[in-house]
């Protein structure tokens, strides 16, 4: 049942770094744009970054210059390198396919907590 598995979250101090991983299972993984999303308590889920099948990237304004999204098609894995973390980055982070092929079932996500 589980098609997307996020990992790598944890508790870090402001200014610290984390690298999140998203393991996918679709055979056709390579053709999809993949996105990282996050949701803080009481807030809507928001798109953090995405990467297309061709490697083009998009970042939300709040993370631009601090986060880097990448993918390894051979491993069917998407990564999110997060640097210079701020308390406002605290959220549960999720990955998903974007567009028509988006998975309607969101995974457990991985918790990122930035606190001193």
PDB file of N, CA and C in Angstrom:
ATOM      1  N   UNK A   1       0.826  -1.209   0.000  1.00  0.00           N
ATOM      2  CA  UNK A   1       0.000   0.000   0.000  1.00  0.00           C
ATOM      3  C   UNK A   1       0.860   1.259   0.000  1.00  0.00           C
ATOM      4  N   UNK A   2       1.973   1.226   0.720  1.00  0.00           N
ATOM      5  CA  UNK A   2       2.845   2.385   0.823  1.00  0.00           C
ATOM      6  C   UNK A   2       3.653   2.538  -0.455  1.00  0.00           C
ATOM      7  N   UNK A   3       3.478   3.675  -1.118  1.00  0.00           N
ATOM      8  CA  UNK A   3       4.163   3.933  -2.372  1.00  0.00           C
ATOM      9  C   UNK A   3       5.253   4.995  -2.254  1.00  0.00           C
ATOM     10  N   UNK A   4       5.154   5.839  -1.250  1.00  0.00           N
ATOM     11  CA  UNK A   4       6.129   6.883  -1.012  1.00  0.00           C
ATOM     12  C   UNK A   4       6.525   6.872   0.456  1.00  0.00           C
ATOM     13  N   UNK A   5       7.813   6.823   0.713  1.00  0.00           N
ATOM     14  CA  UNK A   5       8.304   6.747   2.076  1.00  0.00           C
ATOM     15  C   UNK A   5       9.322   7.852   2.315  1.00  0.00           C
ATOM     16  N   UNK A   6       8.978   8.764   3.200  1.00  0.00           N
ATOM     17  CA  UNK A   6       9.862   9.872   3.545  1.00  0.00           C
ATOM     18  C   UNK A   6      10.710   9.515   4.762  1.00  0.00           C
ATOM     19  N   UNK A   7      11.917  10.034   4.788  1.00  0.00           N
ATOM     20  CA  UNK A   7      12.800   9.801   5.920  1.00  0.00           C
ATOM     21  C   UNK A   7      13.812  10.932   6.018  1.00  0.00           C
ATOM     22  N   UNK A   8      14.515  10.978   7.129  1.00  0.00           N
ATOM     23  CA  UNK A   8      15.597  11.934   7.300  1.00  0.00           C
ATOM     24  C   UNK A   8      15.309  13.106   8.209  1.00  0.00           C
ATOM     25  N   UNK A   9      14.079  13.225   8.674  1.00  0.00           N
ATOM     26  CA  UNK A   9      13.743  14.329   9.545  1.00  0.00           C
ATOM     27  C   UNK A   9      14.350  14.165  10.924  1.00  0.00           C
ATOM     28  N   UNK A  10      14.182  15.192  11.730  1.00  0.00           N
ATOM     29  CA  UNK A  10      14.715  15.154  13.075  1.00  0.00           C
ATOM     30  C   UNK A  10      14.674  16.508  13.726  1.00  0.00           C
ATOM     31  N   UNK A  11      15.302  16.597  14.879  1.00  0.00           N
ATOM     32  CA  UNK A  11      15.391  17.836  15.639  1.00  0.00           C
ATOM     33  C   UNK A  11      16.749  18.473  15.406  1.00  0.00           C
ATOM     34  N   UNK A  12      16.740  19.717  14.955  1.00  0.00           N
ATOM     35  CA  UNK A  12      17.980  20.438  14.706  1.00  0.00           C
ATOM     36  C   UNK A  12      17.872  21.851  15.243  1.00  0.00           C
ATOM     37  N   UNK A  13      19.019  22.454  15.497  1.00  0.00           N
ATOM     38  CA  UNK A  13      19.062  23.835  15.947  1.00  0.00           C
ATOM     39  C   UNK A  13      18.973  24.790  14.762  1.00  0.00           C
ATOM     40  N   UNK A  14      18.506  26.006  14.994  1.00  0.00           N
ATOM     41  CA  UNK A  14      18.509  26.994  13.918  1.00  0.00           C
ATOM     42  C   UNK A  14      19.891  27.119  13.291  1.00  0.00           C
ATOM     43  N   UNK A  15      19.910  27.193  11.975  1.00  0.00           N
ATOM     44  CA  UNK A  15      21.164  27.243  11.250  1.00  0.00           C
ATOM     45  C   UNK A  15      21.703  25.883  10.862  1.00  0.00           C
ATOM     46  N   UNK A  16      21.096  24.837  11.371  1.00  0.00           N
ATOM     47  CA  UNK A  16      21.543  23.499  11.071  1.00  0.00           C
ATOM     48  C   UNK A  16      21.053  22.996   9.729  1.00  0.00           C
ATOM     49  N   UNK A  17      21.391  21.747   9.431  1.00  0.00           N
ATOM     50  CA  UNK A  17      21.057  21.147   8.147  1.00  0.00           C
ATOM     51  C   UNK A  17      20.473  19.757   8.321  1.00  0.00           C
ATOM     52  N   UNK A  18      19.648  19.377   7.374  1.00  0.00           N
ATOM     53  CA  UNK A  18      19.102  18.032   7.283  1.00  0.00           C
ATOM     54  C   UNK A  18      18.968  17.678   5.814  1.00  0.00           C
ATOM     55  N   UNK A  19      19.044  16.390   5.518  1.00  0.00           N
ATOM     56  CA  UNK A  19      18.743  15.915   4.179  1.00  0.00           C
ATOM     57  C   UNK A  19      17.613  14.903   4.258  1.00  0.00           C
ATOM     58  N   UNK A  20      16.525  15.217   3.589  1.00  0.00           N
ATOM     59  CA  UNK A  20      15.378  14.333   3.540  1.00  0.00           C
ATOM     60  C   UNK A  20      15.444  13.450   2.304  1.00  0.00           C
ATOM     61  N   UNK A  21      14.904  12.249   2.434  1.00  0.00           N
ATOM     62  CA  UNK A  21      14.842  11.320   1.320  1.00  0.00           C
ATOM     63  C   UNK A  21      13.409  10.867   1.111  1.00  0.00           C
ATOM     64  N   UNK A  22      13.065  10.622  -0.125  1.00  0.00           N
ATOM     65  CA  UNK A  22      11.746  10.120  -0.494  1.00  0.00           C
ATOM     66  C   UNK A  22      11.948   8.951  -1.431  1.00  0.00           C
ATOM     67  N   UNK A  23      11.581   7.775  -0.973  1.00  0.00           N
ATOM     68  CA  UNK A  23      11.709   6.569  -1.777  1.00  0.00           C
ATOM     69  C   UNK A  23      10.390   6.275  -2.467  1.00  0.00           C
ATOM     70  N   UNK A  24      10.426   6.204  -3.781  1.00  0.00           N
ATOM     71  CA  UNK A  24       9.246   5.932  -4.590  1.00  0.00           C
ATOM     72  C   UNK A  24       9.292   4.513  -5.129  1.00  0.00           C
ATOM     73  N   UNK A  25       8.166   4.054  -5.669  1.00  0.00           N
ATOM     74  CA  UNK A  25       8.098   2.679  -6.139  1.00  0.00           C
ATOM     75  C   UNK A  25       7.589   2.527  -7.565  1.00  0.00           C
ATOM     76  N   UNK A  26       7.088   3.569  -8.186  1.00  0.00           N
ATOM     77  CA  UNK A  26       6.567   3.446  -9.539  1.00  0.00           C
ATOM     78  C   UNK A  26       7.666   3.117 -10.527  1.00  0.00           C
ATOM     79  N   UNK A  27       7.376   2.167 -11.386  1.00  0.00           N
ATOM     80  CA  UNK A  27       8.315   1.797 -12.434  1.00  0.00           C
ATOM     81  C   UNK A  27       8.639   2.988 -13.327  1.00  0.00           C
ATOM     82  N   UNK A  28       7.636   3.834 -13.556  1.00  0.00           N
ATOM     83  CA  UNK A  28       7.790   4.988 -14.430  1.00  0.00           C
ATOM     84  C   UNK A  28       8.212   6.246 -13.676  1.00  0.00           C
ATOM     85  N   UNK A  29       8.815   6.081 -12.532  1.00  0.00           N
ATOM     86  CA  UNK A  29       9.235   7.195 -11.679  1.00  0.00           C
ATOM     87  C   UNK A  29       9.944   8.296 -12.469  1.00  0.00           C
ATOM     88  N   UNK A  30      10.796   7.900 -13.379  1.00  0.00           N
ATOM     89  CA  UNK A  30      11.667   8.845 -14.072  1.00  0.00           C
ATOM     90  C   UNK A  30      10.920   9.907 -14.873  1.00  0.00           C
ATOM     91  N   UNK A  31       9.684   9.652 -15.269  1.00  0.00           N
ATOM     92  CA  UNK A  31       8.961  10.599 -16.113  1.00  0.00           C
ATOM     93  C   UNK A  31       8.208  11.657 -15.317  1.00  0.00           C
ATOM     94  N   UNK A  32       8.137  11.507 -14.015  1.00  0.00           N
ATOM     95  CA  UNK A  32       7.313  12.392 -13.205  1.00  0.00           C
ATOM     96  C   UNK A  32       8.089  13.550 -12.602  1.00  0.00           C
ATOM     97  N   UNK A  33       7.409  14.680 -12.521  1.00  0.00           N
ATOM     98  CA  UNK A  33       7.868  15.747 -11.649  1.00  0.00           C
ATOM     99  C   UNK A  33       7.560  15.347 -10.211  1.00  0.00           C
ATOM    100  N   UNK A  34       8.535  15.532  -9.332  1.00  0.00           N
ATOM    101  CA  UNK A  34       8.371  15.187  -7.932  1.00  0.00           C
ATOM    102  C   UNK A  34       8.439  16.442  -7.071  1.00  0.00           C
ATOM    103  N   UNK A  35       7.607  16.464  -6.058  1.00  0.00           N
ATOM    104  CA  UNK A  35       7.568  17.625  -5.187  1.00  0.00           C
ATOM    105  C   UNK A  35       7.748  17.278  -3.731  1.00  0.00           C
ATOM    106  N   UNK A  36       8.324  18.201  -3.002  1.00  0.00           N
ATOM    107  CA  UNK A  36       8.360  18.157  -1.546  1.00  0.00           C
ATOM    108  C   UNK A  36       7.366  19.182  -1.022  1.00  0.00           C
ATOM    109  N   UNK A  37       6.576  18.763  -0.062  1.00  0.00           N
ATOM    110  CA  UNK A  37       5.578  19.602   0.566  1.00  0.00           C
ATOM    111  C   UNK A  37       5.808  19.604   2.069  1.00  0.00           C
ATOM    112  N   UNK A  38       5.234  20.570   2.736  1.00  0.00           N
ATOM    113  CA  UNK A  38       5.300  20.564   4.188  1.00  0.00           C
ATOM    114  C   UNK A  38       4.000  21.113   4.765  1.00  0.00           C
ATOM    115  N   UNK A  39       3.718  20.676   5.973  1.00  0.00           N
ATOM    116  CA  UNK A  39       2.531  21.130   6.665  1.00  0.00           C
ATOM    117  C   UNK A  39       2.840  21.310   8.144  1.00  0.00           C
ATOM    118  N   UNK A  40       2.666  22.519   8.610  1.00  0.00           N
ATOM    119  CA  UNK A  40       2.829  22.827  10.017  1.00  0.00           C
ATOM    120  C   UNK A  40       1.470  22.732  10.703  1.00  0.00           C
ATOM    121  N   UNK A  41       1.452  22.502  12.011  1.00  0.00           N
ATOM    122  CA  UNK A  41       0.177  22.414  12.727  1.00  0.00           C
ATOM    123  C   UNK A  41      -0.694  23.645  12.498  1.00  0.00           C
ATOM    124  N   UNK A  42      -1.951  23.412  12.150  1.00  0.00           N
ATOM    125  CA  UNK A  42      -2.880  24.505  11.949  1.00  0.00           C
ATOM    126  C   UNK A  42      -2.720  25.255  10.648  1.00  0.00           C
ATOM    127  N   UNK A  43      -1.849  24.793   9.772  1.00  0.00           N
ATOM    128  CA  UNK A  43      -1.609  25.470   8.509  1.00  0.00           C
ATOM    129  C   UNK A  43      -1.867  24.543   7.335  1.00  0.00           C
ATOM    130  N   UNK A  44      -2.074  25.129   6.180  1.00  0.00           N
ATOM    131  CA  UNK A  44      -2.282  24.364   4.966  1.00  0.00           C
ATOM    132  C   UNK A  44      -0.971  23.748   4.492  1.00  0.00           C
ATOM    133  N   UNK A  45      -1.080  22.629   3.808  1.00  0.00           N
ATOM    134  CA  UNK A  45       0.084  22.030   3.198  1.00  0.00           C
ATOM    135  C   UNK A  45       0.560  22.918   2.054  1.00  0.00           C
ATOM    136  N   UNK A  46       1.849  23.123   1.958  1.00  0.00           N
ATOM    137  CA  UNK A  46       2.396  23.983   0.928  1.00  0.00           C
ATOM    138  C   UNK A  46       3.509  23.279   0.158  1.00  0.00           C
ATOM    139  N   UNK A  47       3.654  23.662  -1.080  1.00  0.00           N
ATOM    140  CA  UNK A  47       4.731  23.139  -1.903  1.00  0.00           C
ATOM    141  C   UNK A  47       6.027  23.837  -1.526  1.00  0.00           C
ATOM    142  N   UNK A  48       7.040  23.054  -1.242  1.00  0.00           N
ATOM    143  CA  UNK A  48       8.348  23.570  -0.879  1.00  0.00           C
ATOM    144  C   UNK A  48       9.253  23.665  -2.100  1.00  0.00           C
ATOM    145  N   UNK A  49       9.282  22.605  -2.886  1.00  0.00           N
ATOM    146  CA  UNK A  49      10.142  22.537  -4.057  1.00  0.00           C
ATOM    147  C   UNK A  49       9.677  21.412  -4.959  1.00  0.00           C
ATOM    148  N   UNK A  50      10.033  21.488  -6.232  1.00  0.00           N
ATOM    149  CA  UNK A  50       9.815  20.346  -7.105  1.00  0.00           C
ATOM    150  C   UNK A  50      10.951  20.229  -8.109  1.00  0.00           C
ATOM    151  N   UNK A  51      11.048  19.051  -8.679  1.00  0.00           N
ATOM    152  CA  UNK A  51      12.061  18.789  -9.694  1.00  0.00           C
ATOM    153  C   UNK A  51      11.411  17.987 -10.808  1.00  0.00           C
ATOM    154  N   UNK A  52      11.596  18.426 -12.037  1.00  0.00           N
ATOM    155  CA  UNK A  52      10.976  17.773 -13.180  1.00  0.00           C
ATOM    156  C   UNK A  52      11.783  16.566 -13.618  1.00  0.00           C
ATOM    157  N   UNK A  53      11.213  15.822 -14.552  1.00  0.00           N
ATOM    158  CA  UNK A  53      11.912  14.669 -15.093  1.00  0.00           C
ATOM    159  C   UNK A  53      13.225  15.075 -15.755  1.00  0.00           C
ATOM    160  N   UNK A  54      13.278  16.295 -16.266  1.00  0.00           N
ATOM    161  CA  UNK A  54      14.478  16.791 -16.906  1.00  0.00           C
ATOM    162  C   UNK A  54      15.455  17.476 -15.970  1.00  0.00           C
ATOM    163  N   UNK A  55      15.107  17.549 -14.688  1.00  0.00           N
ATOM    164  CA  UNK A  55      16.007  18.132 -13.713  1.00  0.00           C
ATOM    165  C   UNK A  55      15.804  19.609 -13.438  1.00  0.00           C
ATOM    166  N   UNK A  56      14.787  20.215 -14.044  1.00  0.00           N
ATOM    167  CA  UNK A  56      14.492  21.602 -13.730  1.00  0.00           C
ATOM    168  C   UNK A  56      13.864  21.698 -12.349  1.00  0.00           C
ATOM    169  N   UNK A  57      14.212  22.734 -11.616  1.00  0.00           N
ATOM    170  CA  UNK A  57      13.772  22.852 -10.227  1.00  0.00           C
ATOM    171  C   UNK A  57      12.961  24.104  -9.990  1.00  0.00           C
ATOM    172  N   UNK A  58      12.127  24.030  -8.980  1.00  0.00           N
ATOM    173  CA  UNK A  58      11.342  25.151  -8.500  1.00  0.00           C
ATOM    174  C   UNK A  58      11.441  25.175  -6.989  1.00  0.00           C
ATOM    175  N   UNK A  59      11.507  26.373  -6.421  1.00  0.00           N
ATOM    176  CA  UNK A  59      11.535  26.527  -4.976  1.00  0.00           C
ATOM    177  C   UNK A  59      10.560  27.597  -4.532  1.00  0.00           C
ATOM    178  N   UNK A  60       9.905  27.337  -3.430  1.00  0.00           N
ATOM    179  CA  UNK A  60       9.097  28.367  -2.830  1.00  0.00           C
ATOM    180  C   UNK A  60       9.971  29.505  -2.330  1.00  0.00           C
ATOM    181  N   UNK A  61       9.397  30.693  -2.297  1.00  0.00           N
ATOM    182  CA  UNK A  61      10.173  31.868  -1.912  1.00  0.00           C
ATOM    183  C   UNK A  61      10.810  31.732  -0.529  1.00  0.00           C
ATOM    184  N   UNK A  62      10.125  31.075   0.373  1.00  0.00           N
ATOM    185  CA  UNK A  62      10.605  30.989   1.742  1.00  0.00           C
ATOM    186  C   UNK A  62      11.824  30.093   1.904  1.00  0.00           C
ATOM    187  N   UNK A  63      12.107  29.248   0.923  1.00  0.00           N
ATOM    188  CA  UNK A  63      13.230  28.322   1.043  1.00  0.00           C
ATOM    189  C   UNK A  63      14.296  28.538  -0.016  1.00  0.00           C
ATOM    190  N   UNK A  64      14.035  29.406  -0.958  1.00  0.00           N
ATOM    191  CA  UNK A  64      14.972  29.652  -2.051  1.00  0.00           C
ATOM    192  C   UNK A  64      16.326  30.097  -1.506  1.00  0.00           C
ATOM    193  N   UNK A  65      17.363  29.459  -1.996  1.00  0.00           N
ATOM    194  CA  UNK A  65      18.708  29.771  -1.553  1.00  0.00           C
ATOM    195  C   UNK A  65      19.166  28.952  -0.373  1.00  0.00           C
ATOM    196  N   UNK A  66      18.251  28.255   0.273  1.00  0.00           N
ATOM    197  CA  UNK A  66      18.592  27.445   1.436  1.00  0.00           C
ATOM    198  C   UNK A  66      18.402  25.954   1.196  1.00  0.00           C
ATOM    199  N   UNK A  67      17.401  25.609   0.397  1.00  0.00           N
ATOM    200  CA  UNK A  67      17.077  24.208   0.132  1.00  0.00           C
ATOM    201  C   UNK A  67      17.483  23.838  -1.290  1.00  0.00           C
ATOM    202  N   UNK A  68      17.822  22.572  -1.480  1.00  0.00           N
ATOM    203  CA  UNK A  68      18.138  22.052  -2.799  1.00  0.00           C
ATOM    204  C   UNK A  68      17.445  20.718  -2.995  1.00  0.00           C
ATOM    205  N   UNK A  69      16.669  20.611  -4.060  1.00  0.00           N
ATOM    206  CA  UNK A  69      16.004  19.362  -4.389  1.00  0.00           C
ATOM    207  C   UNK A  69      16.797  18.650  -5.474  1.00  0.00           C
ATOM    208  N   UNK A  70      16.873  17.341  -5.374  1.00  0.00           N
ATOM    209  CA  UNK A  70      17.581  16.549  -6.369  1.00  0.00           C
ATOM    210  C   UNK A  70      16.916  15.185  -6.479  1.00  0.00           C
ATOM    211  N   UNK A  71      17.314  14.431  -7.485  1.00  0.00           N
ATOM    212  CA  UNK A  71      16.738  13.103  -7.648  1.00  0.00           C
ATOM    213  C   UNK A  71      17.767  12.137  -8.189  1.00  0.00           C
ATOM    214  N   UNK A  72      17.573  10.877  -7.854  1.00  0.00           N
ATOM    215  CA  UNK A  72      18.391   9.788  -8.355  1.00  0.00           C
ATOM    216  C   UNK A  72      17.422   8.794  -8.980  1.00  0.00           C
ATOM    217  N   UNK A  73      17.304   8.840 -10.284  1.00  0.00           N
ATOM    218  CA  UNK A  73      16.321   8.006 -10.964  1.00  0.00           C
ATOM    219  C   UNK A  73      16.629   6.513 -10.837  1.00  0.00           C
ATOM    220  N   UNK A  74      17.896   6.166 -10.790  1.00  0.00           N
ATOM    221  CA  UNK A  74      18.267   4.766 -10.637  1.00  0.00           C
ATOM    222  C   UNK A  74      17.771   4.208  -9.313  1.00  0.00           C
ATOM    223  N   UNK A  75      17.768   5.045  -8.290  1.00  0.00           N
ATOM    224  CA  UNK A  75      17.305   4.633  -6.973  1.00  0.00           C
ATOM    225  C   UNK A  75      15.849   4.994  -6.725  1.00  0.00           C
ATOM    226  N   UNK A  76      15.233   5.666  -7.687  1.00  0.00           N
ATOM    227  CA  UNK A  76      13.854   6.142  -7.550  1.00  0.00           C
ATOM    228  C   UNK A  76      13.675   6.895  -6.238  1.00  0.00           C
ATOM    229  N   UNK A  77      14.572   7.824  -6.009  1.00  0.00           N
ATOM    230  CA  UNK A  77      14.605   8.578  -4.772  1.00  0.00           C
ATOM    231  C   UNK A  77      14.747  10.064  -5.055  1.00  0.00           C
ATOM    232  N   UNK A  78      14.032  10.862  -4.277  1.00  0.00           N
ATOM    233  CA  UNK A  78      14.122  12.316  -4.337  1.00  0.00           C
ATOM    234  C   UNK A  78      14.664  12.812  -3.010  1.00  0.00           C
ATOM    235  N   UNK A  79      15.533  13.797  -3.070  1.00  0.00           N
ATOM    236  CA  UNK A  79      16.165  14.328  -1.875  1.00  0.00           C
ATOM    237  C   UNK A  79      15.831  15.803  -1.698  1.00  0.00           C
ATOM    238  N   UNK A  80      15.871  16.229  -0.466  1.00  0.00           N
ATOM    239  CA  UNK A  80      15.750  17.643  -0.152  1.00  0.00           C
ATOM    240  C   UNK A  80      16.829  17.999   0.852  1.00  0.00           C
ATOM    241  N   UNK A  81      17.850  18.687   0.379  1.00  0.00           N
ATOM    242  CA  UNK A  81      18.908  19.170   1.252  1.00  0.00           C
ATOM    243  C   UNK A  81      18.471  20.497   1.834  1.00  0.00           C
ATOM    244  N   UNK A  82      18.402  20.574   3.146  1.00  0.00           N
ATOM    245  CA  UNK A  82      17.928  21.759   3.829  1.00  0.00           C
ATOM    246  C   UNK A  82      19.062  22.343   4.661  1.00  0.00           C
ATOM    247  N   UNK A  83      19.463  23.542   4.324  1.00  0.00           N
ATOM    248  CA  UNK A  83      20.519  24.240   5.042  1.00  0.00           C
ATOM    249  C   UNK A  83      19.967  25.510   5.673  1.00  0.00           C
ATOM    250  N   UNK A  84      20.715  26.050   6.599  1.00  0.00           N
ATOM    251  CA  UNK A  84      20.337  27.300   7.270  1.00  0.00           C
ATOM    252  C   UNK A  84      18.903  27.239   7.770  1.00  0.00           C
ATOM    253  N   UNK A  85      18.582  26.168   8.435  1.00  0.00           N
ATOM    254  CA  UNK A  85      17.210  25.947   8.869  1.00  0.00           C
ATOM    255  C   UNK A  85      16.756  26.981   9.888  1.00  0.00           C
ATOM    256  N   UNK A  86      15.494  27.333   9.787  1.00  0.00           N
ATOM    257  CA  UNK A  86      14.871  28.316  10.651  1.00  0.00           C
ATOM    258  C   UNK A  86      13.718  27.671  11.408  1.00  0.00           C
ATOM    259  N   UNK A  87      13.344  28.220  12.550  1.00  0.00           N
ATOM    260  CA  UNK A  87      12.203  27.663  13.290  1.00  0.00           C
ATOM    261  C   UNK A  87      10.936  27.566  12.442  1.00  0.00           C
ATOM    262  N   UNK A  88      10.727  28.495  11.536  1.00  0.00           N
ATOM    263  CA  UNK A  88       9.541  28.459  10.694  1.00  0.00           C
ATOM    264  C   UNK A  88       9.552  27.336   9.666  1.00  0.00           C
ATOM    265  N   UNK A  89      10.670  26.624   9.553  1.00  0.00           N
ATOM    266  CA  UNK A  89      10.723  25.444   8.707  1.00  0.00           C
ATOM    267  C   UNK A  89      10.137  24.221   9.401  1.00  0.00           C
ATOM    268  N   UNK A  90       9.831  24.345  10.669  1.00  0.00           N
ATOM    269  CA  UNK A  90       9.273  23.234  11.425  1.00  0.00           C
ATOM    270  C   UNK A  90       7.947  22.791  10.824  1.00  0.00           C
ATOM    271  N   UNK A  91       7.861  21.524  10.463  1.00  0.00           N
ATOM    272  CA  UNK A  91       6.671  20.984   9.813  1.00  0.00           C
ATOM    273  C   UNK A  91       6.884  19.499   9.561  1.00  0.00           C
ATOM    274  N   UNK A  92       5.822  18.845   9.142  1.00  0.00           N
ATOM    275  CA  UNK A  92       5.940  17.500   8.605  1.00  0.00           C
ATOM    276  C   UNK A  92       6.145  17.635   7.106  1.00  0.00           C
ATOM    277  N   UNK A  93       7.160  16.984   6.599  1.00  0.00           N
ATOM    278  CA  UNK A  93       7.513  17.078   5.192  1.00  0.00           C
ATOM    279  C   UNK A  93       7.073  15.828   4.444  1.00  0.00           C
ATOM    280  N   UNK A  94       6.434  16.034   3.311  1.00  0.00           N
ATOM    281  CA  UNK A  94       5.914  14.962   2.484  1.00  0.00           C
ATOM    282  C   UNK A  94       6.455  15.081   1.063  1.00  0.00           C
ATOM    283  N   UNK A  95       6.512  13.966   0.378  1.00  0.00           N
ATOM    284  CA  UNK A  95       6.807  13.993  -1.043  1.00  0.00           C
ATOM    285  C   UNK A  95       5.625  13.420  -1.814  1.00  0.00           C
ATOM    286  N   UNK A  96       5.546  13.775  -3.083  1.00  0.00           N
ATOM    287  CA  UNK A  96       4.499  13.231  -3.932  1.00  0.00           C
ATOM    288  C   UNK A  96       4.842  13.519  -5.386  1.00  0.00           C
ATOM    289  N   UNK A  97       4.258  12.742  -6.269  1.00  0.00           N
ATOM    290  CA  UNK A  97       4.274  13.060  -7.681  1.00  0.00           C
ATOM    291  C   UNK A  97       3.428  14.310  -7.873  1.00  0.00           C
ATOM    292  N   UNK A  98       3.777  15.089  -8.869  1.00  0.00           N
ATOM    293  CA  UNK A  98       2.988  16.279  -9.161  1.00  0.00           C
ATOM    294  C   UNK A  98       2.242  16.132 -10.473  1.00  0.00           C
ATOM    295  N   UNK A  99       1.152  16.876 -10.587  1.00  0.00           N
ATOM    296  CA  UNK A  99       0.361  16.852 -11.802  1.00  0.00           C
ATOM    297  C   UNK A  99      -0.692  15.761 -11.780  1.00  0.00           C
ATOM    298  N   UNK A 100      -1.062  15.328 -12.979  1.00  0.00           N
ATOM    299  CA  UNK A 100      -2.130  14.338 -13.127  1.00  0.00           C
ATOM    300  C   UNK A 100      -1.824  13.050 -12.376  1.00  0.00           C
ATOM    301  N   UNK A 101      -0.565  12.695 -12.307  1.00  0.00           N
ATOM    302  CA  UNK A 101      -0.173  11.447 -11.677  1.00  0.00           C
ATOM    303  C   UNK A 101       0.029  11.496 -10.176  1.00  0.00           C
ATOM    304  N   UNK A 102      -0.358  12.584  -9.537  1.00  0.00           N
ATOM    305  CA  UNK A 102      -0.181  12.708  -8.096  1.00  0.00           C
ATOM    306  C   UNK A 102      -0.884  11.587  -7.353  1.00  0.00           C
ATOM    307  N   UNK A 103      -0.232  11.079  -6.340  1.00  0.00           N
ATOM    308  CA  UNK A 103      -0.813  10.029  -5.516  1.00  0.00           C
ATOM    309  C   UNK A 103      -1.791  10.652  -4.532  1.00  0.00           C
ATOM    310  N   UNK A 104      -3.056  10.234  -4.567  1.00  0.00           N
ATOM    311  CA  UNK A 104      -4.030  10.835  -3.653  1.00  0.00           C
ATOM    312  C   UNK A 104      -3.813  10.439  -2.194  1.00  0.00           C
ATOM    313  N   UNK A 105      -3.004   9.431  -1.965  1.00  0.00           N
ATOM    314  CA  UNK A 105      -2.738   8.965  -0.616  1.00  0.00           C
ATOM    315  C   UNK A 105      -1.377   9.458  -0.156  1.00  0.00           C
ATOM    316  N   UNK A 106      -1.421  10.367   0.812  1.00  0.00           N
ATOM    317  CA  UNK A 106      -0.188  10.920   1.354  1.00  0.00           C
ATOM    318  C   UNK A 106       0.402   9.974   2.393  1.00  0.00           C
ATOM    319  N   UNK A 107       1.714   9.897   2.410  1.00  0.00           N
ATOM    320  CA  UNK A 107       2.393   9.030   3.340  1.00  0.00           C
ATOM    321  C   UNK A 107       2.448   9.610   4.734  1.00  0.00           C
ATOM    322  N   UNK A 108       3.268   8.999   5.558  1.00  0.00           N
ATOM    323  CA  UNK A 108       3.405   9.449   6.940  1.00  0.00           C
ATOM    324  C   UNK A 108       4.180  10.755   7.060  1.00  0.00           C
ATOM    325  N   UNK A 109       5.000  11.035   6.075  1.00  0.00           N
ATOM    326  CA  UNK A 109       5.840  12.210   6.144  1.00  0.00           C
ATOM    327  C   UNK A 109       6.970  12.014   7.136  1.00  0.00           C
ATOM    328  N   UNK A 110       7.820  13.026   7.219  1.00  0.00           N
ATOM    329  CA  UNK A 110       8.907  12.991   8.186  1.00  0.00           C
ATOM    330  C   UNK A 110       8.954  14.334   8.910  1.00  0.00           C
ATOM    331  N   UNK A 111       9.028  14.278  10.220  1.00  0.00           N
ATOM    332  CA  UNK A 111       8.965  15.481  11.042  1.00  0.00           C
ATOM    333  C   UNK A 111      10.302  16.205  11.063  1.00  0.00           C
ATOM    334  N   UNK A 112      10.244  17.488  10.796  1.00  0.00           N
ATOM    335  CA  UNK A 112      11.408  18.358  10.925  1.00  0.00           C
ATOM    336  C   UNK A 112      11.091  19.399  11.990  1.00  0.00           C
ATOM    337  N   UNK A 113      11.894  19.437  13.017  1.00  0.00           N
ATOM    338  CA  UNK A 113      11.717  20.408  14.088  1.00  0.00           C
ATOM    339  C   UNK A 113      12.988  21.218  14.233  1.00  0.00           C
ATOM    340  N   UNK A 114      12.860  22.522  14.102  1.00  0.00           N
ATOM    341  CA  UNK A 114      13.997  23.429  14.215  1.00  0.00           C
ATOM    342  C   UNK A 114      13.795  24.265  15.467  1.00  0.00           C
ATOM    343  N   UNK A 115      14.616  24.026  16.451  1.00  0.00           N
ATOM    344  CA  UNK A 115      14.450  24.689  17.738  1.00  0.00           C
ATOM    345  C   UNK A 115      15.768  24.712  18.488  1.00  0.00           C
ATOM    346  N   UNK A 116      15.955  25.758  19.265  1.00  0.00           N
ATOM    347  CA  UNK A 116      17.125  25.863  20.111  1.00  0.00           C
ATOM    348  C   UNK A 116      16.866  25.300  21.500  1.00  0.00           C
TER     349      UNK A 116
END
